[in-house]
Amino acid sequence: MNAAIPSTCRATVGAMTDLLERTLGAGDLALAEAHLAACPRCREVLDALRALPAAIARLTSAPEPAGLSARVLAAIESGGDGRGSPSRR
């Protein structure tokens, strides 16, 4: 652990998943909320975590290269790796 990060920050960041999923107990929730009220650094981390699902939803996948499916299926059927050499089993 990084000694430059206060233990209250480490504990709060460690509890953020539970905080976001609303599974923290009342005592831990009160401690986390009090820390977040006073610590802009931890609030920034929490805000970034809250923004992740929307950011991931905006990602688009690249189009499949032409012929990829056929090459993969042919490699599977031939037992090769698709590069002209047999796969290692």
C-alpha atoms as a PDB file:
ATOM      1  CA  MET A   1       0.000   0.000   0.000  1.00  0.00           C
ATOM      2  CA  ASN A   2       1.088   3.546  -0.636  1.00  0.00           C
ATOM      3  CA  ALA A   3       2.033   5.216   2.645  1.00  0.00           C
ATOM      4  CA  ALA A   4       1.312   8.635   1.109  1.00  0.00           C
ATOM      5  CA  ILE A   5      -2.405   7.785   0.928  1.00  0.00           C
ATOM      6  CA  PRO A   6      -4.126   8.200   4.304  1.00  0.00           C
ATOM      7  CA  SER A   7      -5.640   5.044   5.764  1.00  0.00           C
ATOM      8  CA  THR A   8      -9.108   6.622   5.689  1.00  0.00           C
ATOM      9  CA  CYS A   9      -8.738   7.088   1.919  1.00  0.00           C
ATOM     10  CA  ARG A  10      -7.565   3.493   1.485  1.00  0.00           C
ATOM     11  CA  ALA A  11     -10.504   2.229   3.525  1.00  0.00           C
ATOM     12  CA  THR A  12     -12.977   4.399   1.644  1.00  0.00           C
ATOM     13  CA  VAL A  13     -11.660   3.414  -1.791  1.00  0.00           C
ATOM     14  CA  GLY A  14     -11.676  -0.219  -0.661  1.00  0.00           C
ATOM     15  CA  ALA A  15     -15.362   0.116   0.233  1.00  0.00           C
ATOM     16  CA  MET A  16     -16.468   1.925  -2.930  1.00  0.00           C
ATOM     17  CA  THR A  17     -17.836  -1.146  -4.689  1.00  0.00           C
ATOM     18  CA  ASP A  18     -19.992  -1.896  -1.675  1.00  0.00           C
ATOM     19  CA  LEU A  19     -20.948   1.772  -1.485  1.00  0.00           C
ATOM     20  CA  LEU A  20     -22.000   1.812  -5.141  1.00  0.00           C
ATOM     21  CA  GLU A  21     -23.888  -1.464  -4.761  1.00  0.00           C
ATOM     22  CA  ARG A  22     -25.530  -0.164  -1.572  1.00  0.00           C
ATOM     23  CA  THR A  23     -24.328  -3.131   0.461  1.00  0.00           C
ATOM     24  CA  LEU A  24     -22.413  -1.262   3.182  1.00  0.00           C
ATOM     25  CA  GLY A  25     -23.669  -1.605   6.717  1.00  0.00           C
ATOM     26  CA  ALA A  26     -25.008   1.511   8.422  1.00  0.00           C
ATOM     27  CA  GLY A  27     -21.825   2.160  10.403  1.00  0.00           C
ATOM     28  CA  ASP A  28     -19.493   1.719   7.434  1.00  0.00           C
ATOM     29  CA  LEU A  29     -21.799   3.791   5.260  1.00  0.00           C
ATOM     30  CA  ALA A  30     -21.730   6.657   7.771  1.00  0.00           C
ATOM     31  CA  LEU A  31     -17.926   6.515   7.920  1.00  0.00           C
ATOM     32  CA  ALA A  32     -17.597   6.455   4.123  1.00  0.00           C
ATOM     33  CA  GLU A  33     -20.057   9.310   3.649  1.00  0.00           C
ATOM     34  CA  ALA A  34     -18.294  11.422   6.277  1.00  0.00           C
ATOM     35  CA  HIS A  35     -14.954  10.806   4.625  1.00  0.00           C
ATOM     36  CA  LEU A  36     -16.313  11.556   1.152  1.00  0.00           C
ATOM     37  CA  ALA A  37     -17.799  14.822   2.418  1.00  0.00           C
ATOM     38  CA  ALA A  38     -14.329  15.954   3.491  1.00  0.00           C
ATOM     39  CA  CYS A  39     -12.083  14.386   0.837  1.00  0.00           C
ATOM     40  CA  PRO A  40     -12.254  15.718  -2.723  1.00  0.00           C
ATOM     41  CA  ARG A  41      -9.750  13.108  -3.910  1.00  0.00           C
ATOM     42  CA  CYS A  42     -11.978  10.209  -2.854  1.00  0.00           C
ATOM     43  CA  ARG A  43     -15.082  11.960  -4.240  1.00  0.00           C
ATOM     44  CA  GLU A  44     -13.265  12.202  -7.571  1.00  0.00           C
ATOM     45  CA  VAL A  45     -12.547   8.453  -7.504  1.00  0.00           C
ATOM     46  CA  LEU A  46     -16.174   7.697  -6.634  1.00  0.00           C
ATOM     47  CA  ASP A  47     -17.437   9.995  -9.405  1.00  0.00           C
ATOM     48  CA  ALA A  48     -15.144   8.241 -11.897  1.00  0.00           C
ATOM     49  CA  LEU A  49     -16.451   4.837 -10.805  1.00  0.00           C
ATOM     50  CA  ARG A  50     -20.037   6.049 -11.127  1.00  0.00           C
ATOM     51  CA  ALA A  51     -19.286   7.252 -14.682  1.00  0.00           C
ATOM     52  CA  LEU A  52     -17.804   3.918 -15.830  1.00  0.00           C
ATOM     53  CA  PRO A  53     -21.019   2.105 -16.823  1.00  0.00           C
ATOM     54  CA  ALA A  54     -22.079   4.958 -19.104  1.00  0.00           C
ATOM     55  CA  ALA A  55     -18.584   5.229 -20.580  1.00  0.00           C
ATOM     56  CA  ILE A  56     -18.497   1.506 -21.275  1.00  0.00           C
ATOM     57  CA  ALA A  57     -21.951   1.660 -22.858  1.00  0.00           C
ATOM     58  CA  ARG A  58     -20.676   4.312 -25.294  1.00  0.00           C
ATOM     59  CA  LEU A  59     -17.854   2.104 -26.527  1.00  0.00           C
ATOM     60  CA  THR A  60     -18.288   0.675 -29.974  1.00  0.00           C
ATOM     61  CA  SER A  61     -16.612  -2.378 -31.338  1.00  0.00           C
ATOM     62  CA  ALA A  62     -14.523  -2.367 -34.461  1.00  0.00           C
ATOM     63  CA  PRO A  63     -16.000  -4.072 -37.487  1.00  0.00           C
ATOM     64  CA  GLU A  64     -14.929  -7.663 -38.009  1.00  0.00           C
ATOM     65  CA  PRO A  65     -12.214  -7.988 -40.640  1.00  0.00           C
ATOM     66  CA  ALA A  66     -13.469  -9.527 -43.875  1.00  0.00           C
ATOM     67  CA  GLY A  67     -13.281 -13.296 -43.810  1.00  0.00           C
ATOM     68  CA  LEU A  68     -12.367 -13.581 -40.126  1.00  0.00           C
ATOM     69  CA  SER A  69     -15.211 -15.939 -39.225  1.00  0.00           C
ATOM     70  CA  ALA A  70     -14.406 -18.237 -42.141  1.00  0.00           C
ATOM     71  CA  ARG A  71     -10.696 -18.317 -41.215  1.00  0.00           C
ATOM     72  CA  VAL A  72     -11.463 -19.087 -37.572  1.00  0.00           C
ATOM     73  CA  LEU A  73     -13.885 -21.858 -38.474  1.00  0.00           C
ATOM     74  CA  ALA A  74     -11.410 -23.320 -40.970  1.00  0.00           C
ATOM     75  CA  ALA A  75      -8.644 -23.263 -38.353  1.00  0.00           C
ATOM     76  CA  ILE A  76     -10.891 -24.984 -35.824  1.00  0.00           C
ATOM     77  CA  GLU A  77     -11.923 -27.654 -38.319  1.00  0.00           C
ATOM     78  CA  SER A  78      -8.346 -28.295 -39.436  1.00  0.00           C
ATOM     79  CA  GLY A  79      -6.931 -28.286 -35.913  1.00  0.00           C
ATOM     80  CA  GLY A  80      -4.559 -25.493 -36.869  1.00  0.00           C
ATOM     81  CA  ASP A  81      -4.080 -22.015 -35.552  1.00  0.00           C
ATOM     82  CA  GLY A  82      -4.961 -20.317 -38.828  1.00  0.00           C
ATOM     83  CA  ARG A  83      -1.356 -19.342 -39.552  1.00  0.00           C
ATOM     84  CA  GLY A  84      -0.421 -22.460 -41.439  1.00  0.00           C
ATOM     85  CA  SER A  85       0.979 -24.425 -38.529  1.00  0.00           C
ATOM     86  CA  PRO A  86      -0.803 -26.991 -36.374  1.00  0.00           C
ATOM     87  CA  SER A  87      -1.935 -25.877 -32.955  1.00  0.00           C
ATOM     88  CA  ARG A  88      -0.200 -27.163 -29.863  1.00  0.00           C
ATOM     89  CA  ARG A  89      -2.356 -29.388 -27.761  1.00  0.00           C
END
